[in-house]
Amino acid sequence: MSISVNLYYHGTDGNAGKFAREMEESGLADAIRSEEGNLRYEYFQPIGDSETVLLIDSWRDQAALDAHHASPMMRELARLREQYDLHMTAERYASMDGPDADERFLRK
């Protein structure tokens, strides 16, 4: 069962976008993507809300997520969040085992 966390970074003066760009340009986002058990690490900006950035962060299991949270990269991530004065909200999801019940509704 994989775990996905939607993290919403909220800021002012474009700081959420600046944070996401620095994560990408510094290589920190790529370093997180290369961690054992990472399935997805992508930033998005909601249409109509220029002060929020969404991070979709997915992991193979809780052990992989726990290892990520214990990694030295988290200190740098926390420093950047503080630097850009970001506040966060989160949503956590666990994948279903077996066939996807929504598959029949998807157009591929």
N, C-alpha and C. Protein backbone atom coordinates (compact mmCIF):
# COMPACT_ATOMS: atom_id res chain seq x y z
N MET A 1 0.85 -1.18 0.00
CA MET A 1 0.00 0.00 0.00
C MET A 1 0.89 1.24 0.00
N SER A 2 0.78 2.07 -1.03
CA SER A 2 1.56 3.30 -1.09
C SER A 2 0.84 4.43 -0.36
N ILE A 3 1.61 5.45 -0.03
CA ILE A 3 1.10 6.61 0.71
C ILE A 3 1.38 7.86 -0.11
N SER A 4 0.37 8.70 -0.27
CA SER A 4 0.54 9.99 -0.92
C SER A 4 0.12 11.09 0.04
N VAL A 5 0.89 12.14 0.05
CA VAL A 5 0.59 13.30 0.88
C VAL A 5 0.52 14.51 -0.03
N ASN A 6 -0.60 15.20 0.01
CA ASN A 6 -0.74 16.47 -0.70
C ASN A 6 -0.42 17.56 0.30
N LEU A 7 0.69 18.26 0.06
CA LEU A 7 1.10 19.36 0.94
C LEU A 7 0.83 20.67 0.22
N TYR A 8 0.08 21.53 0.86
CA TYR A 8 -0.22 22.85 0.32
C TYR A 8 0.65 23.86 1.05
N TYR A 9 1.54 24.50 0.30
CA TYR A 9 2.39 25.55 0.83
C TYR A 9 1.72 26.89 0.56
N HIS A 10 1.45 27.65 1.61
CA HIS A 10 0.77 28.94 1.51
C HIS A 10 1.76 30.03 1.90
N GLY A 11 1.82 31.09 1.08
CA GLY A 11 2.71 32.19 1.39
C GLY A 11 2.13 33.51 0.91
N THR A 12 2.98 34.52 0.86
CA THR A 12 2.61 35.84 0.34
C THR A 12 3.72 36.29 -0.60
N ASP A 13 3.41 37.28 -1.41
CA ASP A 13 4.40 37.89 -2.31
C ASP A 13 5.08 36.88 -3.24
N GLY A 14 4.34 35.82 -3.62
CA GLY A 14 4.90 34.83 -4.53
C GLY A 14 5.89 33.87 -3.90
N ASN A 15 5.98 33.85 -2.57
CA ASN A 15 7.00 33.05 -1.89
C ASN A 15 6.82 31.54 -2.06
N ALA A 16 5.59 31.07 -2.19
CA ALA A 16 5.39 29.63 -2.38
C ALA A 16 6.00 29.20 -3.71
N GLY A 17 5.79 29.98 -4.75
CA GLY A 17 6.38 29.67 -6.04
C GLY A 17 7.90 29.78 -6.02
N LYS A 18 8.41 30.79 -5.32
CA LYS A 18 9.87 30.95 -5.20
C LYS A 18 10.48 29.75 -4.49
N PHE A 19 9.80 29.27 -3.45
CA PHE A 19 10.26 28.09 -2.71
C PHE A 19 10.32 26.88 -3.64
N ALA A 20 9.25 26.63 -4.40
CA ALA A 20 9.22 25.47 -5.29
C ALA A 20 10.31 25.57 -6.35
N ARG A 21 10.52 26.77 -6.90
CA ARG A 21 11.58 26.94 -7.89
C ARG A 21 12.95 26.67 -7.28
N GLU A 22 13.18 27.15 -6.06
CA GLU A 22 14.47 26.90 -5.41
C GLU A 22 14.67 25.42 -5.13
N MET A 23 13.60 24.74 -4.72
CA MET A 23 13.69 23.29 -4.50
C MET A 23 14.14 22.59 -5.78
N GLU A 24 13.57 22.99 -6.92
CA GLU A 24 13.92 22.38 -8.20
C GLU A 24 15.31 22.79 -8.66
N GLU A 25 15.61 24.08 -8.63
CA GLU A 25 16.88 24.57 -9.16
C GLU A 25 18.08 24.17 -8.31
N SER A 26 17.87 23.99 -7.01
CA SER A 26 18.97 23.61 -6.12
C SER A 26 19.31 22.13 -6.21
N GLY A 27 18.41 21.34 -6.80
CA GLY A 27 18.63 19.90 -6.87
C GLY A 27 18.05 19.14 -5.69
N LEU A 28 17.51 19.87 -4.71
CA LEU A 28 16.95 19.19 -3.54
C LEU A 28 15.75 18.32 -3.91
N ALA A 29 14.90 18.81 -4.79
CA ALA A 29 13.74 18.00 -5.21
C ALA A 29 14.20 16.73 -5.91
N ASP A 30 15.20 16.82 -6.77
CA ASP A 30 15.72 15.62 -7.44
C ASP A 30 16.35 14.65 -6.44
N ALA A 31 17.02 15.17 -5.44
CA ALA A 31 17.60 14.31 -4.40
C ALA A 31 16.51 13.54 -3.67
N ILE A 32 15.39 14.21 -3.38
CA ILE A 32 14.28 13.54 -2.72
C ILE A 32 13.68 12.49 -3.65
N ARG A 33 13.54 12.83 -4.93
CA ARG A 33 13.01 11.86 -5.90
C ARG A 33 13.87 10.60 -6.00
N SER A 34 15.17 10.73 -5.73
CA SER A 34 16.06 9.58 -5.84
C SER A 34 16.12 8.75 -4.55
N GLU A 35 15.44 9.20 -3.51
CA GLU A 35 15.43 8.43 -2.26
C GLU A 35 14.72 7.10 -2.47
N GLU A 36 15.20 6.09 -1.78
CA GLU A 36 14.59 4.76 -1.83
C GLU A 36 13.12 4.85 -1.42
N GLY A 37 12.25 4.35 -2.27
CA GLY A 37 10.83 4.30 -1.96
C GLY A 37 10.02 5.49 -2.42
N ASN A 38 10.68 6.53 -2.98
CA ASN A 38 9.91 7.67 -3.48
C ASN A 38 9.27 7.30 -4.81
N LEU A 39 7.98 7.57 -4.93
CA LEU A 39 7.23 7.27 -6.15
C LEU A 39 6.91 8.53 -6.95
N ARG A 40 6.76 9.65 -6.25
CA ARG A 40 6.39 10.90 -6.93
C ARG A 40 6.70 12.07 -6.02
N TYR A 41 7.23 13.14 -6.62
CA TYR A 41 7.52 14.37 -5.89
C TYR A 41 7.40 15.49 -6.90
N GLU A 42 6.21 16.10 -6.97
CA GLU A 42 5.94 17.12 -7.99
C GLU A 42 5.19 18.30 -7.41
N TYR A 43 5.57 19.49 -7.89
CA TYR A 43 4.92 20.73 -7.49
C TYR A 43 3.93 21.19 -8.55
N PHE A 44 2.82 21.76 -8.09
CA PHE A 44 1.79 22.32 -8.97
C PHE A 44 1.29 23.62 -8.35
N GLN A 45 0.77 24.51 -9.19
CA GLN A 45 0.17 25.75 -8.68
C GLN A 45 -1.30 25.78 -9.09
N PRO A 46 -2.21 25.92 -8.12
CA PRO A 46 -3.64 25.97 -8.45
C PRO A 46 -3.98 27.19 -9.31
N ILE A 47 -4.84 26.98 -10.28
CA ILE A 47 -5.33 28.10 -11.08
C ILE A 47 -6.12 29.02 -10.16
N GLY A 48 -5.84 30.29 -10.21
CA GLY A 48 -6.58 31.25 -9.41
C GLY A 48 -6.03 31.46 -8.01
N ASP A 49 -4.93 30.79 -7.64
CA ASP A 49 -4.35 30.98 -6.31
C ASP A 49 -2.83 31.05 -6.45
N SER A 50 -2.33 32.22 -6.75
CA SER A 50 -0.90 32.39 -6.99
C SER A 50 -0.07 32.34 -5.71
N GLU A 51 -0.70 32.29 -4.56
CA GLU A 51 0.02 32.26 -3.29
C GLU A 51 0.10 30.86 -2.67
N THR A 52 -0.34 29.85 -3.43
CA THR A 52 -0.30 28.47 -2.94
C THR A 52 0.41 27.59 -3.96
N VAL A 53 1.19 26.65 -3.46
CA VAL A 53 1.80 25.60 -4.29
C VAL A 53 1.43 24.27 -3.66
N LEU A 54 1.04 23.33 -4.51
CA LEU A 54 0.70 21.98 -4.07
C LEU A 54 1.88 21.07 -4.37
N LEU A 55 2.29 20.29 -3.40
CA LEU A 55 3.29 19.24 -3.59
C LEU A 55 2.57 17.91 -3.46
N ILE A 56 2.67 17.07 -4.48
CA ILE A 56 2.19 15.69 -4.38
C ILE A 56 3.42 14.84 -4.10
N ASP A 57 3.44 14.21 -2.95
CA ASP A 57 4.58 13.49 -2.41
C ASP A 57 4.13 12.06 -2.13
N SER A 58 4.61 11.09 -2.92
CA SER A 58 4.14 9.69 -2.79
C SER A 58 5.30 8.76 -2.47
N TRP A 59 5.02 7.79 -1.60
CA TRP A 59 6.03 6.87 -1.11
C TRP A 59 5.51 5.43 -1.16
N ARG A 60 6.43 4.49 -1.31
CA ARG A 60 6.10 3.07 -1.41
C ARG A 60 5.35 2.58 -0.16
N ASP A 61 5.80 3.04 1.01
CA ASP A 61 5.18 2.61 2.26
C ASP A 61 5.58 3.57 3.38
N GLN A 62 5.06 3.32 4.57
CA GLN A 62 5.33 4.20 5.71
C GLN A 62 6.81 4.19 6.08
N ALA A 63 7.47 3.04 5.95
CA ALA A 63 8.90 2.96 6.29
C ALA A 63 9.72 3.90 5.39
N ALA A 64 9.40 3.96 4.10
CA ALA A 64 10.12 4.85 3.18
C ALA A 64 9.86 6.30 3.54
N LEU A 65 8.63 6.63 3.88
CA LEU A 65 8.29 8.00 4.28
C LEU A 65 9.00 8.37 5.58
N ASP A 66 9.03 7.44 6.53
CA ASP A 66 9.74 7.70 7.80
C ASP A 66 11.23 7.94 7.56
N ALA A 67 11.84 7.16 6.66
CA ALA A 67 13.26 7.34 6.35
C ALA A 67 13.49 8.72 5.73
N HIS A 68 12.58 9.14 4.85
CA HIS A 68 12.68 10.47 4.26
C HIS A 68 12.61 11.55 5.34
N HIS A 69 11.66 11.41 6.25
CA HIS A 69 11.52 12.41 7.31
C HIS A 69 12.74 12.47 8.23
N ALA A 70 13.48 11.36 8.33
CA ALA A 70 14.68 11.31 9.18
C ALA A 70 15.94 11.72 8.41
N SER A 71 15.83 11.98 7.12
CA SER A 71 17.00 12.28 6.30
C SER A 71 17.53 13.69 6.56
N PRO A 72 18.82 13.91 6.28
CA PRO A 72 19.40 15.25 6.44
C PRO A 72 18.75 16.29 5.52
N MET A 73 18.14 15.84 4.41
CA MET A 73 17.49 16.78 3.50
C MET A 73 16.35 17.53 4.18
N MET A 74 15.73 16.93 5.17
CA MET A 74 14.60 17.58 5.85
C MET A 74 15.02 18.86 6.55
N ARG A 75 16.26 18.92 7.04
CA ARG A 75 16.73 20.16 7.68
C ARG A 75 16.80 21.29 6.65
N GLU A 76 17.30 20.99 5.45
CA GLU A 76 17.38 22.01 4.40
C GLU A 76 15.98 22.41 3.95
N LEU A 77 15.10 21.44 3.82
CA LEU A 77 13.71 21.71 3.44
C LEU A 77 13.05 22.63 4.47
N ALA A 78 13.24 22.33 5.75
CA ALA A 78 12.66 23.15 6.82
C ALA A 78 13.26 24.56 6.80
N ARG A 79 14.55 24.67 6.51
CA ARG A 79 15.19 25.98 6.44
C ARG A 79 14.57 26.82 5.32
N LEU A 80 14.34 26.20 4.16
CA LEU A 80 13.74 26.93 3.04
C LEU A 80 12.29 27.34 3.35
N ARG A 81 11.54 26.46 3.97
CA ARG A 81 10.16 26.83 4.35
C ARG A 81 10.16 28.03 5.27
N GLU A 82 11.10 28.05 6.20
CA GLU A 82 11.21 29.17 7.13
C GLU A 82 11.66 30.44 6.38
N GLN A 83 12.63 30.30 5.51
CA GLN A 83 13.14 31.44 4.74
C GLN A 83 12.03 32.11 3.95
N TYR A 84 11.13 31.32 3.37
CA TYR A 84 10.04 31.87 2.56
C TYR A 84 8.77 32.10 3.37
N ASP A 85 8.83 31.89 4.68
CA ASP A 85 7.70 32.12 5.59
C ASP A 85 6.43 31.42 5.10
N LEU A 86 6.56 30.12 4.85
CA LEU A 86 5.43 29.34 4.34
C LEU A 86 4.70 28.64 5.47
N HIS A 87 3.41 28.52 5.30
CA HIS A 87 2.57 27.75 6.20
C HIS A 87 1.99 26.61 5.39
N MET A 88 1.64 25.52 6.04
CA MET A 88 1.27 24.32 5.31
C MET A 88 -0.03 23.71 5.83
N THR A 89 -0.74 23.07 4.91
CA THR A 89 -1.82 22.16 5.26
C THR A 89 -1.54 20.87 4.50
N ALA A 90 -2.11 19.77 4.96
CA ALA A 90 -1.80 18.48 4.35
C ALA A 90 -3.03 17.59 4.29
N GLU A 91 -3.02 16.75 3.27
CA GLU A 91 -4.01 15.68 3.10
C GLU A 91 -3.22 14.41 2.86
N ARG A 92 -3.61 13.33 3.51
CA ARG A 92 -2.88 12.06 3.40
C ARG A 92 -3.81 11.00 2.82
N TYR A 93 -3.27 10.23 1.86
CA TYR A 93 -4.05 9.18 1.20
C TYR A 93 -3.24 7.89 1.15
N ALA A 94 -3.93 6.78 1.30
CA ALA A 94 -3.31 5.46 1.14
C ALA A 94 -3.96 4.80 -0.07
N SER A 95 -3.14 4.13 -0.87
CA SER A 95 -3.66 3.48 -2.07
C SER A 95 -4.48 2.26 -1.69
N MET A 96 -5.36 1.90 -2.59
CA MET A 96 -6.16 0.68 -2.42
C MET A 96 -5.35 -0.50 -2.93
N ASP A 97 -5.53 -1.64 -2.31
CA ASP A 97 -4.97 -2.87 -2.86
C ASP A 97 -6.00 -3.46 -3.80
N GLY A 98 -5.54 -4.07 -4.87
CA GLY A 98 -6.46 -4.70 -5.81
C GLY A 98 -6.85 -3.75 -6.92
N PRO A 99 -7.86 -4.15 -7.72
CA PRO A 99 -8.26 -3.34 -8.87
C PRO A 99 -8.80 -1.97 -8.45
N ASP A 100 -8.54 -0.99 -9.28
CA ASP A 100 -8.98 0.38 -9.02
C ASP A 100 -10.47 0.49 -9.33
N ALA A 101 -11.26 0.79 -8.32
CA ALA A 101 -12.71 0.89 -8.48
C ALA A 101 -13.10 2.02 -9.43
N ASP A 102 -12.25 3.00 -9.62
CA ASP A 102 -12.55 4.14 -10.48
C ASP A 102 -12.09 3.94 -11.91
N GLU A 103 -11.42 2.86 -12.20
CA GLU A 103 -10.85 2.63 -13.52
C GLU A 103 -11.89 2.78 -14.63
N ARG A 104 -13.08 2.34 -14.39
CA ARG A 104 -14.12 2.39 -15.44
C ARG A 104 -14.54 3.81 -15.79
N PHE A 105 -14.20 4.78 -14.95
CA PHE A 105 -14.58 6.17 -15.21
C PHE A 105 -13.48 6.95 -15.93
N LEU A 106 -12.32 6.35 -16.13
CA LEU A 106 -11.18 7.05 -16.71
C LEU A 106 -11.16 6.88 -18.22
N ARG A 107 -10.94 7.96 -18.91
CA ARG A 107 -10.77 7.92 -20.36
C ARG A 107 -9.27 7.89 -20.63
N LYS A 108 -8.82 6.88 -21.35
CA LYS A 108 -7.39 6.72 -21.60
C LYS A 108 -7.11 6.84 -23.07
